[in-house]
Amino acid sequence: MSSRFYRRITMLLGLAIMALFGAWMIASVAHAERGDTPQVDCSTDVTACPANEFCRIKTGECLPLQHPDWGFQGFTVPDANTYYLDASDCNGSALQSLIDSVPPEGGKIILPACTIETPQDIVLKSNLIIEGAGMGQTIIRMTDYPSAPGTAMHGYGVHNVIVREMTVDANSDSAGGGDTMAVNFDYGCDNILVEKVEAFDANRQVFGFRNTSHFTARFNDATRGMHGVAAKIETSYDSSVGTSDGLIYS
């Protein structure tokens, strides 16, 4: 073959390499402009998914929420209204008194790393953030139920509540065989977030959201219960306690 033929082949190969390099550069610039990040395997870390996405644990994919406006919508409380439960006063009565002292405009309660044993339900109120020191660090445990059913923590007809970073032990053995729940919201609650909460040992649901709208439960661990997460609308309930818009969002 002539040298002219080889020169043409060399020129065509050079043009092909330049075209591939140019395409790679364009893709790199577009990637940087979009701010794309490498896909992570969220099956080992479900918190790796960005906002408005959820983890499909079976495949490890982060997928977009179909209706992000249906869940928890966020709220704020005054920075000055932050309260701390003293580590030397870790009991249900002290925690309930602290919750009851939060003013109507709302506040945040910080719990230390300790075990808070309580013989009665911890009753939540509206415009409240209650935050522990982490799963296995802050533990709320029911003891000696005076009667069943019982719930370690509950909110009835409340709105704007965040519960996070703790362990809740419904301790069903102490109920003498009666129904127990770990964390429950009912009677027209709205705008609720439960995240990074380990809860267990409930004869009924571990996490309950009945007659509740705009709620999100994420990054939680629910074990040893009849249901991990239960959510439903009941057609009739005590309307004097609260009202529901008739929708359940998750």
Protein backbone atom coordinates (compact mmCIF):
# COMPACT_ATOMS: atom_id res chain seq x y z
CA MET A 1 0.00 0.00 0.00
CA SER A 2 1.15 3.53 -0.75
CA SER A 3 2.39 5.97 1.84
CA ARG A 4 -0.52 8.21 0.85
CA PHE A 5 -2.97 5.57 2.11
CA TYR A 6 -1.17 5.28 5.45
CA ARG A 7 -1.20 9.06 5.83
CA ARG A 8 -4.98 9.08 5.34
CA ILE A 9 -5.46 6.30 7.90
CA THR A 10 -3.27 8.15 10.39
CA MET A 11 -5.19 11.38 9.82
CA LEU A 12 -8.57 9.66 10.31
CA LEU A 13 -7.40 7.99 13.52
CA GLY A 14 -6.16 11.33 14.77
CA LEU A 15 -9.49 12.98 14.01
CA ALA A 16 -11.36 10.16 15.78
CA ILE A 17 -9.19 10.52 18.88
CA MET A 18 -9.72 14.28 18.90
CA ALA A 19 -13.50 13.80 18.59
CA LEU A 20 -13.56 11.35 21.50
CA PHE A 21 -11.45 13.68 23.63
CA GLY A 22 -13.76 16.59 22.81
CA ALA A 23 -16.84 14.57 23.77
CA TRP A 24 -15.20 13.59 27.06
CA MET A 25 -14.39 17.24 27.82
CA ILE A 26 -17.97 18.34 27.10
CA ALA A 27 -19.37 15.61 29.35
CA SER A 28 -16.93 16.54 32.12
CA VAL A 29 -17.93 20.20 32.01
CA ALA A 30 -21.64 19.31 32.04
CA HIS A 31 -21.06 16.95 34.96
CA ALA A 32 -19.32 19.70 36.94
CA GLU A 33 -22.01 22.27 36.14
CA ARG A 34 -24.77 19.93 37.33
CA GLY A 35 -22.89 19.23 40.53
CA ASP A 36 -23.45 15.50 40.06
CA THR A 37 -21.99 13.20 42.69
CA PRO A 38 -21.09 9.55 42.25
CA GLN A 39 -23.92 7.14 43.03
CA VAL A 40 -23.53 5.67 46.51
CA ASP A 41 -24.78 2.35 47.80
CA CYS A 42 -27.36 3.62 50.27
CA SER A 43 -28.18 0.09 51.45
CA THR A 44 -25.27 0.44 53.87
CA ASP A 45 -26.01 4.08 54.76
CA VAL A 46 -29.59 5.21 54.11
CA THR A 47 -28.70 8.74 55.21
CA ALA A 48 -26.51 9.06 52.11
CA CYS A 49 -29.47 10.00 49.92
CA PRO A 50 -29.93 13.75 49.39
CA ALA A 51 -33.06 15.71 50.27
CA ASN A 52 -36.23 14.70 48.41
CA GLU A 53 -34.85 11.23 47.68
CA PHE A 54 -35.27 7.89 49.42
CA CYS A 55 -33.19 4.73 49.57
CA ARG A 56 -34.40 1.60 47.81
CA ILE A 57 -32.52 -0.75 50.11
CA LYS A 58 -32.96 -3.81 47.87
CA THR A 59 -30.89 -2.21 45.09
CA GLY A 60 -28.99 0.44 47.06
CA GLU A 61 -30.35 3.22 44.83
CA CYS A 62 -31.32 6.74 45.83
CA LEU A 63 -34.60 7.50 44.05
CA PRO A 64 -36.62 10.73 43.95
CA LEU A 65 -39.72 11.04 46.11
CA GLN A 66 -42.83 11.08 43.95
CA HIS A 67 -44.63 13.52 46.25
CA PRO A 68 -42.10 15.40 48.43
CA ASP A 69 -44.79 17.90 49.41
CA TRP A 70 -46.83 15.18 51.08
CA GLY A 71 -44.44 14.61 53.98
CA PHE A 72 -43.07 16.70 56.83
CA GLN A 73 -42.82 20.35 55.80
CA GLY A 74 -40.48 21.71 58.49
CA PHE A 75 -40.95 24.43 61.10
CA THR A 76 -38.83 26.61 63.36
CA VAL A 77 -38.83 27.44 67.06
CA PRO A 78 -37.17 30.40 68.80
CA ASP A 79 -33.47 29.77 69.41
CA ALA A 80 -33.86 31.13 72.93
CA ASN A 81 -36.37 28.40 73.77
CA THR A 82 -33.87 25.57 74.18
CA TYR A 83 -34.15 23.45 77.31
CA TYR A 84 -31.88 20.74 78.71
CA LEU A 85 -32.81 17.76 80.85
CA ASP A 86 -30.16 17.43 83.53
CA ALA A 87 -28.32 14.10 83.53
CA SER A 88 -28.92 13.83 87.28
CA ASP A 89 -32.67 14.08 86.74
CA CYS A 90 -33.30 11.39 84.13
CA ASN A 91 -36.82 10.23 84.89
CA GLY A 92 -40.18 10.42 83.21
CA SER A 93 -41.66 12.95 85.62
CA ALA A 94 -38.83 15.44 85.07
CA LEU A 95 -39.03 15.02 81.29
CA GLN A 96 -42.80 15.54 81.27
CA SER A 97 -42.46 18.67 83.40
CA LEU A 98 -39.88 20.03 80.98
CA ILE A 99 -42.17 19.35 78.01
CA ASP A 100 -45.11 20.99 79.78
CA SER A 101 -43.00 24.11 80.44
CA VAL A 102 -42.38 24.77 76.72
CA PRO A 103 -44.37 27.91 75.75
CA PRO A 104 -46.99 27.90 72.95
CA GLU A 105 -44.56 29.37 70.40
CA GLY A 106 -42.51 26.20 70.78
CA GLY A 107 -39.09 25.07 71.87
CA LYS A 108 -36.38 22.44 71.68
CA ILE A 109 -35.57 19.92 74.42
CA ILE A 110 -32.12 18.32 74.50
CA LEU A 111 -31.83 15.00 76.33
CA PRO A 112 -28.54 13.68 77.73
CA ALA A 113 -27.11 10.19 77.30
CA CYS A 114 -29.04 8.38 80.02
CA THR A 115 -31.94 5.98 80.60
CA ILE A 116 -35.24 7.69 81.34
CA GLU A 117 -37.64 5.25 82.97
CA THR A 118 -41.29 6.24 83.16
CA PRO A 119 -44.39 4.45 84.49
CA GLN A 120 -46.69 6.60 82.34
CA ASP A 121 -46.84 7.91 78.79
CA ILE A 122 -44.61 10.83 77.82
CA VAL A 123 -47.14 13.26 76.31
CA LEU A 124 -45.85 15.48 73.51
CA LYS A 125 -47.19 18.92 72.59
CA SER A 126 -47.29 21.11 69.50
CA ASN A 127 -44.29 23.10 68.24
CA LEU A 128 -41.82 20.79 69.96
CA ILE A 129 -38.42 19.38 69.00
CA ILE A 130 -37.18 16.65 71.33
CA GLU A 131 -33.67 15.41 70.58
CA GLY A 132 -31.59 12.77 72.32
CA ALA A 133 -27.87 12.01 72.25
CA GLY A 134 -28.33 9.18 69.73
CA MET A 135 -29.67 5.65 69.42
CA GLY A 136 -28.57 3.58 72.38
CA GLN A 137 -27.38 6.71 74.20
CA THR A 138 -30.67 8.30 75.23
CA ILE A 139 -33.15 5.56 76.18
CA ILE A 140 -36.79 6.12 77.16
CA ARG A 141 -38.20 2.97 78.75
CA MET A 142 -41.71 2.28 80.01
CA THR A 143 -41.91 0.56 83.41
CA ASP A 144 -44.75 -0.80 85.53
CA TYR A 145 -47.73 0.12 83.36
CA PRO A 146 -50.61 1.06 85.66
CA SER A 147 -52.93 -0.08 82.88
CA ALA A 148 -52.75 -1.10 79.24
CA PRO A 149 -52.75 -0.09 76.46
CA GLY A 150 -49.79 2.20 76.97
CA THR A 151 -47.47 4.23 74.78
CA ALA A 152 -43.96 5.30 75.72
CA MET A 153 -44.34 8.59 73.79
CA HIS A 154 -47.48 9.94 72.17
CA GLY A 155 -48.99 13.05 70.65
CA TYR A 156 -52.74 13.51 70.24
CA GLY A 157 -54.01 16.31 68.01
CA VAL A 158 -50.59 17.99 67.92
CA HIS A 159 -48.78 19.70 65.06
CA ASN A 160 -45.15 20.58 64.33
CA VAL A 161 -43.30 17.87 66.27
CA ILE A 162 -39.83 16.38 65.74
CA VAL A 163 -38.59 13.33 67.66
CA ARG A 164 -35.02 12.27 66.87
CA GLU A 165 -31.79 10.61 68.01
CA MET A 166 -32.92 8.22 70.75
CA THR A 167 -34.05 4.72 71.69
CA VAL A 168 -37.62 4.07 72.86
CA ASP A 169 -38.33 0.80 74.67
CA ALA A 170 -42.06 0.03 74.94
CA ASN A 171 -41.15 -2.79 77.36
CA SER A 172 -44.27 -4.84 76.67
CA ASP A 173 -43.35 -7.35 79.40
CA SER A 174 -44.19 -4.73 82.02
CA ALA A 175 -47.71 -4.35 80.63
CA GLY A 176 -48.82 -7.76 81.83
CA GLY A 177 -49.73 -8.84 78.33
CA GLY A 178 -51.60 -5.64 77.45
CA ASP A 179 -51.17 -3.62 74.26
CA THR A 180 -48.15 -1.34 74.08
CA MET A 181 -46.73 1.08 71.51
CA ALA A 182 -43.41 2.90 71.38
CA VAL A 183 -44.16 6.18 69.55
CA ASN A 184 -47.70 7.03 68.48
CA PHE A 185 -49.47 10.01 66.89
CA ASP A 186 -53.26 10.14 66.55
CA TYR A 187 -56.41 12.30 66.54
CA GLY A 188 -55.56 14.76 63.79
CA CYS A 189 -51.80 15.29 64.16
CA ASP A 190 -50.07 17.23 61.39
CA ASN A 191 -46.48 17.93 60.28
CA ILE A 192 -44.62 15.25 62.22
CA LEU A 193 -41.02 14.03 61.78
CA VAL A 194 -39.56 10.96 63.49
CA GLU A 195 -35.96 10.24 62.51
CA LYS A 196 -33.00 8.25 63.77
CA VAL A 197 -35.09 6.61 66.48
CA GLU A 198 -34.62 3.00 67.53
CA ALA A 199 -37.83 1.60 69.00
CA PHE A 200 -38.86 -1.90 69.99
CA ASP A 201 -40.74 -4.33 72.23
CA ALA A 202 -44.31 -3.23 71.41
CA ASN A 203 -47.28 -5.60 71.36
CA ARG A 204 -48.91 -3.35 68.76
CA GLN A 205 -47.23 -0.95 66.34
CA VAL A 206 -43.74 0.31 67.11
CA PHE A 207 -44.36 3.61 65.29
CA GLY A 208 -47.99 4.66 64.81
CA PHE A 209 -49.43 7.45 62.66
CA ARG A 210 -53.22 7.27 62.75
CA ASN A 211 -55.39 10.12 61.49
CA THR A 212 -52.15 12.01 60.86
CA SER A 213 -51.20 14.15 57.87
CA HIS A 214 -47.85 15.38 56.52
CA PHE A 215 -45.62 13.00 58.45
CA THR A 216 -42.21 11.56 57.66
CA ALA A 217 -40.54 8.59 59.38
CA ARG A 218 -36.95 8.07 58.20
CA PHE A 219 -33.68 6.45 59.27
CA ASN A 220 -35.43 4.57 62.08
CA ASP A 221 -35.05 1.04 63.43
CA ALA A 222 -38.27 -0.73 64.45
CA THR A 223 -38.10 -4.27 65.86
CA ARG A 224 -40.05 -6.63 68.11
CA GLY A 225 -43.51 -5.26 67.40
CA MET A 226 -46.69 -6.41 65.66
CA HIS A 227 -46.10 -3.67 63.05
CA GLY A 228 -42.95 -1.67 62.41
CA VAL A 229 -44.84 1.38 61.13
CA ALA A 230 -48.64 1.58 61.07
CA ALA A 231 -50.64 4.37 59.47
CA LYS A 232 -54.35 4.55 58.79
CA ILE A 233 -57.41 6.76 58.74
CA GLU A 234 -60.36 5.88 60.93
CA THR A 235 -63.74 7.15 59.82
CA SER A 236 -64.77 8.04 63.35
CA TYR A 237 -62.88 9.16 66.40
CA ASP A 238 -63.21 11.77 69.14
CA SER A 239 -63.41 14.96 67.08
CA SER A 240 -63.17 17.06 70.23
CA VAL A 241 -59.51 16.07 70.45
CA GLY A 242 -58.54 17.00 66.92
CA THR A 243 -59.52 16.88 63.30
CA SER A 244 -57.89 15.29 60.30
CA ASP A 245 -57.91 16.34 56.67
CA GLY A 246 -58.63 12.71 55.81
CA LEU A 247 -55.23 12.02 54.29
CA ILE A 248 -52.26 9.95 55.32
CA TYR A 249 -48.90 10.94 53.89
CA SER A 250 -45.67 9.07 54.26
